[in-house]
């Protein structure tokens, strides 16, 4: 028996193609999600909002964590 939620990670290309299919090509959200294998509706709509605000660059992965200190 599995406990907790499973986290999926998606590549930049997958995110971009799914969002462009929905926003630019008029595909329904559920069809775009299904054709690109996206399981989370909330993540998909968050990507759409980011794409509307910042374009394709907003979907690129960002560096995480505390920046390194240069000594």
Protein backbone atom coordinates (compact mmCIF):
# COMPACT_ATOMS: atom_id res chain seq x y z
CA UNK A 1 0.00 0.00 0.00
CA UNK A 2 1.34 3.38 -1.00
CA UNK A 3 1.09 6.41 1.26
CA UNK A 4 1.35 10.04 0.25
CA UNK A 5 1.05 11.64 -3.13
CA UNK A 6 3.36 10.86 -6.00
CA UNK A 7 5.12 13.89 -7.50
CA UNK A 8 5.53 13.95 -11.26
CA UNK A 9 8.13 16.11 -12.93
CA UNK A 10 7.68 17.31 -16.48
CA UNK A 11 10.28 18.56 -18.92
CA UNK A 12 10.25 22.11 -20.24
CA UNK A 13 9.31 20.79 -23.69
CA UNK A 14 6.31 18.85 -22.35
CA UNK A 15 5.03 21.87 -20.44
CA UNK A 16 5.48 24.17 -23.43
CA UNK A 17 3.79 21.84 -25.93
CA UNK A 18 0.83 21.17 -23.64
CA UNK A 19 0.28 24.86 -22.86
CA UNK A 20 0.70 25.95 -26.50
CA UNK A 21 -1.76 23.27 -27.65
CA UNK A 22 -4.32 24.62 -25.20
CA UNK A 23 -3.78 28.38 -25.48
CA UNK A 24 -2.51 28.87 -29.04
CA UNK A 25 -4.09 25.98 -30.94
CA UNK A 26 -7.48 25.94 -29.19
CA UNK A 27 -7.28 22.41 -27.81
CA UNK A 28 -9.35 21.83 -24.68
CA UNK A 29 -7.43 21.68 -21.42
CA UNK A 30 -8.35 18.06 -20.76
CA UNK A 31 -7.35 16.99 -24.29
CA UNK A 32 -4.00 18.82 -24.05
CA UNK A 33 -3.33 17.27 -20.64
CA UNK A 34 -4.24 13.78 -21.85
CA UNK A 35 -2.18 13.96 -25.06
CA UNK A 36 0.94 15.09 -23.18
CA UNK A 37 0.49 12.88 -20.11
CA UNK A 38 -0.10 15.65 -17.57
CA UNK A 39 -1.91 14.29 -14.51
CA UNK A 40 -2.37 17.44 -12.41
CA UNK A 41 -5.02 19.92 -13.48
CA UNK A 42 -3.84 22.54 -10.99
CA UNK A 43 -0.23 22.34 -12.21
CA UNK A 44 -1.38 22.64 -15.82
CA UNK A 45 -3.42 25.77 -15.16
CA UNK A 46 -0.51 27.24 -13.16
CA UNK A 47 1.70 26.69 -16.24
CA UNK A 48 -0.93 28.41 -18.40
CA UNK A 49 -0.96 31.45 -16.11
CA UNK A 50 2.85 31.61 -16.12
CA UNK A 51 2.89 31.35 -19.92
CA UNK A 52 0.36 34.19 -20.25
CA UNK A 53 2.42 36.41 -17.93
CA UNK A 54 5.95 35.66 -19.10
CA UNK A 55 5.80 33.64 -22.31
CA UNK A 56 7.74 30.45 -22.92
CA UNK A 57 10.64 31.61 -20.73
CA UNK A 58 8.37 31.48 -17.67
CA UNK A 59 8.10 27.69 -18.03
CA UNK A 60 11.87 27.11 -17.91
CA UNK A 61 13.21 25.48 -14.74
CA UNK A 62 14.63 27.90 -12.21
CA UNK A 63 17.57 27.40 -9.87
CA UNK A 64 16.43 26.42 -6.41
CA UNK A 65 17.90 26.86 -2.98
CA UNK A 66 20.20 29.34 -1.37
CA UNK A 67 22.77 30.98 -3.66
CA UNK A 68 26.40 30.02 -3.12
CA UNK A 69 28.60 32.46 -1.27
CA UNK A 70 31.66 33.60 -3.21
CA UNK A 71 34.61 33.81 -0.82
